[in-house]
Amino acid sequence: METHSPVPDVQRFARHVARELPGVFTFLLDDRIDATNWRAEQAIRPSVVLRKVSGGNRTWRGAHTQQVLATLLRTSTQRHLDPLPILGDLLHQAKARASTALFTPT
């Protein structure tokens, strides 16, 4: 019967903790950093609700379209930009690229 020594596992875990520990409590030292991911979870909530209410995406293309639109709406809202000109600019392009409306100063 082969015996497995837990020492290497414990040492590996100890190295991992030593490497990550400084970042674990960063939120205590910097008030700009949240202790949880609550804000991020709330930011994606509308998209999750939409997917559940609509029965989900029926195709990968539909899922991709929903992702792009949700990203466009969320990013423009966070940057205090009107999403309609950005969407209009993207729809009029022959090839996908960043909308020039995104570079409008706020």
C-alpha atoms as a PDB file:
ATOM      1  CA  MET A   1       0.000   0.000   0.000  1.00  0.00           C
ATOM      2  CA  GLU A   2       1.358   3.377  -1.057  1.00  0.00           C
ATOM      3  CA  THR A   3       1.319   6.135   1.547  1.00  0.00           C
ATOM      4  CA  HIS A   4       0.928   9.724   0.550  1.00  0.00           C
ATOM      5  CA  SER A   5       2.682  12.331   2.651  1.00  0.00           C
ATOM      6  CA  PRO A   6       0.549  15.455   3.187  1.00  0.00           C
ATOM      7  CA  VAL A   7       3.645  17.595   3.726  1.00  0.00           C
ATOM      8  CA  PRO A   8       4.117  18.617   0.075  1.00  0.00           C
ATOM      9  CA  ASP A   9       0.414  19.571  -0.138  1.00  0.00           C
ATOM     10  CA  VAL A  10       0.656  21.599   3.061  1.00  0.00           C
ATOM     11  CA  GLN A  11       3.835  23.307   1.873  1.00  0.00           C
ATOM     12  CA  ARG A  12       2.254  24.135  -1.479  1.00  0.00           C
ATOM     13  CA  PHE A  13      -0.804  25.565   0.292  1.00  0.00           C
ATOM     14  CA  ALA A  14       1.430  27.594   2.634  1.00  0.00           C
ATOM     15  CA  ARG A  15       3.298  29.065  -0.347  1.00  0.00           C
ATOM     16  CA  HIS A  16      -0.019  29.926  -1.993  1.00  0.00           C
ATOM     17  CA  VAL A  17      -1.333  31.656   1.142  1.00  0.00           C
ATOM     18  CA  ALA A  18       1.926  33.563   1.603  1.00  0.00           C
ATOM     19  CA  ARG A  19       1.755  34.769  -2.000  1.00  0.00           C
ATOM     20  CA  GLU A  20      -1.948  35.779  -1.923  1.00  0.00           C
ATOM     21  CA  LEU A  21      -2.369  37.029   1.652  1.00  0.00           C
ATOM     22  CA  PRO A  22      -1.293  40.637   1.013  1.00  0.00           C
ATOM     23  CA  GLY A  23      -4.156  41.043  -1.455  1.00  0.00           C
ATOM     24  CA  VAL A  24      -6.799  39.357   0.677  1.00  0.00           C
ATOM     25  CA  PHE A  25      -7.249  42.282   3.074  1.00  0.00           C
ATOM     26  CA  THR A  26      -6.421  45.128   0.688  1.00  0.00           C
ATOM     27  CA  PHE A  27      -9.971  46.439   1.032  1.00  0.00           C
ATOM     28  CA  LEU A  28      -9.187  47.298   4.674  1.00  0.00           C
ATOM     29  CA  LEU A  29      -6.370  49.613   3.611  1.00  0.00           C
ATOM     30  CA  ASP A  30      -7.938  51.176   0.507  1.00  0.00           C
ATOM     31  CA  ASP A  31     -11.486  52.500   0.825  1.00  0.00           C
ATOM     32  CA  ARG A  32     -11.885  52.515  -2.986  1.00  0.00           C
ATOM     33  CA  ILE A  33     -11.908  48.709  -2.980  1.00  0.00           C
ATOM     34  CA  ASP A  34     -15.070  46.854  -2.018  1.00  0.00           C
ATOM     35  CA  ALA A  35     -14.874  43.873   0.319  1.00  0.00           C
ATOM     36  CA  THR A  36     -17.298  41.887  -1.851  1.00  0.00           C
ATOM     37  CA  ASN A  37     -18.276  41.595  -5.502  1.00  0.00           C
ATOM     38  CA  TRP A  38     -21.802  42.859  -4.774  1.00  0.00           C
ATOM     39  CA  ARG A  39     -21.540  45.787  -7.212  1.00  0.00           C
ATOM     40  CA  ALA A  40     -20.397  43.516 -10.040  1.00  0.00           C
ATOM     41  CA  GLU A  41     -23.218  41.065  -9.337  1.00  0.00           C
ATOM     42  CA  GLN A  42     -25.763  43.879  -9.349  1.00  0.00           C
ATOM     43  CA  ALA A  43     -24.331  45.224 -12.607  1.00  0.00           C
ATOM     44  CA  ILE A  44     -25.054  41.971 -14.472  1.00  0.00           C
ATOM     45  CA  ARG A  45     -28.427  41.352 -12.799  1.00  0.00           C
ATOM     46  CA  PRO A  46     -30.554  42.996 -15.533  1.00  0.00           C
ATOM     47  CA  SER A  47     -28.971  40.755 -18.172  1.00  0.00           C
ATOM     48  CA  VAL A  48     -29.544  37.653 -16.058  1.00  0.00           C
ATOM     49  CA  VAL A  49     -33.194  38.577 -15.461  1.00  0.00           C
ATOM     50  CA  LEU A  50     -33.705  39.271 -19.173  1.00  0.00           C
ATOM     51  CA  ARG A  51     -32.226  35.900 -20.094  1.00  0.00           C
ATOM     52  CA  LYS A  52     -34.436  34.078 -17.579  1.00  0.00           C
ATOM     53  CA  VAL A  53     -37.637  35.925 -18.536  1.00  0.00           C
ATOM     54  CA  SER A  54     -37.071  35.403 -22.257  1.00  0.00           C
ATOM     55  CA  GLY A  55     -36.313  31.708 -21.830  1.00  0.00           C
ATOM     56  CA  GLY A  56     -32.634  32.095 -22.601  1.00  0.00           C
ATOM     57  CA  ASN A  57     -30.844  32.449 -25.878  1.00  0.00           C
ATOM     58  CA  ARG A  58     -31.854  29.999 -28.559  1.00  0.00           C
ATOM     59  CA  THR A  59     -28.621  30.332 -30.543  1.00  0.00           C
ATOM     60  CA  TRP A  60     -24.979  31.212 -29.929  1.00  0.00           C
ATOM     61  CA  ARG A  61     -25.443  34.212 -32.212  1.00  0.00           C
ATOM     62  CA  GLY A  62     -28.344  35.409 -30.054  1.00  0.00           C
ATOM     63  CA  ALA A  63     -26.255  34.982 -26.909  1.00  0.00           C
ATOM     64  CA  HIS A  64     -23.401  36.936 -28.486  1.00  0.00           C
ATOM     65  CA  THR A  65     -25.771  39.719 -29.580  1.00  0.00           C
ATOM     66  CA  GLN A  66     -27.193  39.986 -26.075  1.00  0.00           C
ATOM     67  CA  GLN A  67     -23.682  40.157 -24.608  1.00  0.00           C
ATOM     68  CA  VAL A  68     -22.654  42.929 -26.984  1.00  0.00           C
ATOM     69  CA  LEU A  69     -25.785  44.980 -26.321  1.00  0.00           C
ATOM     70  CA  ALA A  70     -25.548  44.532 -22.542  1.00  0.00           C
ATOM     71  CA  THR A  71     -21.887  45.574 -22.625  1.00  0.00           C
ATOM     72  CA  LEU A  72     -22.662  48.606 -24.778  1.00  0.00           C
ATOM     73  CA  LEU A  73     -25.485  49.742 -22.502  1.00  0.00           C
ATOM     74  CA  ARG A  74     -23.581  49.179 -19.270  1.00  0.00           C
ATOM     75  CA  THR A  75     -20.348  50.785 -20.471  1.00  0.00           C
ATOM     76  CA  SER A  76     -22.094  53.835 -21.883  1.00  0.00           C
ATOM     77  CA  THR A  77     -24.074  54.247 -18.647  1.00  0.00           C
ATOM     78  CA  GLN A  78     -20.931  54.018 -16.520  1.00  0.00           C
ATOM     79  CA  ARG A  79     -19.182  56.552 -18.754  1.00  0.00           C
ATOM     80  CA  HIS A  80     -22.232  58.876 -18.705  1.00  0.00           C
ATOM     81  CA  LEU A  81     -22.663  58.585 -22.471  1.00  0.00           C
ATOM     82  CA  ASP A  82     -25.874  58.288 -24.476  1.00  0.00           C
ATOM     83  CA  PRO A  83     -25.924  54.708 -25.857  1.00  0.00           C
ATOM     84  CA  LEU A  84     -28.120  55.533 -28.878  1.00  0.00           C
ATOM     85  CA  PRO A  85     -25.482  57.393 -30.943  1.00  0.00           C
ATOM     86  CA  ILE A  86     -22.988  54.648 -30.146  1.00  0.00           C
ATOM     87  CA  LEU A  87     -25.418  51.944 -31.241  1.00  0.00           C
ATOM     88  CA  GLY A  88     -26.306  53.933 -34.385  1.00  0.00           C
ATOM     89  CA  ASP A  89     -22.636  54.346 -35.237  1.00  0.00           C
ATOM     90  CA  LEU A  90     -22.009  50.622 -34.818  1.00  0.00           C
ATOM     91  CA  LEU A  91     -25.012  49.681 -36.957  1.00  0.00           C
ATOM     92  CA  HIS A  92     -23.807  51.874 -39.830  1.00  0.00           C
ATOM     93  CA  GLN A  93     -20.331  50.340 -39.963  1.00  0.00           C
ATOM     94  CA  ALA A  94     -19.482  47.785 -42.611  1.00  0.00           C
ATOM     95  CA  LYS A  95     -16.824  46.226 -40.396  1.00  0.00           C
ATOM     96  CA  ALA A  96     -16.878  45.834 -36.598  1.00  0.00           C
ATOM     97  CA  ARG A  97     -14.699  48.384 -34.832  1.00  0.00           C
ATOM     98  CA  ALA A  98     -14.862  50.695 -31.828  1.00  0.00           C
ATOM     99  CA  SER A  99     -17.473  53.397 -32.232  1.00  0.00           C
ATOM    100  CA  THR A 100     -16.126  56.937 -32.548  1.00  0.00           C
ATOM    101  CA  ALA A 101     -18.981  57.990 -30.247  1.00  0.00           C
ATOM    102  CA  LEU A 102     -17.173  56.213 -27.404  1.00  0.00           C
ATOM    103  CA  PHE A 103     -14.373  58.732 -27.630  1.00  0.00           C
ATOM    104  CA  THR A 104     -16.664  61.704 -27.081  1.00  0.00           C
ATOM    105  CA  PRO A 105     -15.455  63.657 -24.036  1.00  0.00           C
ATOM    106  CA  THR A 106     -17.819  63.496 -21.074  1.00  0.00           C
END
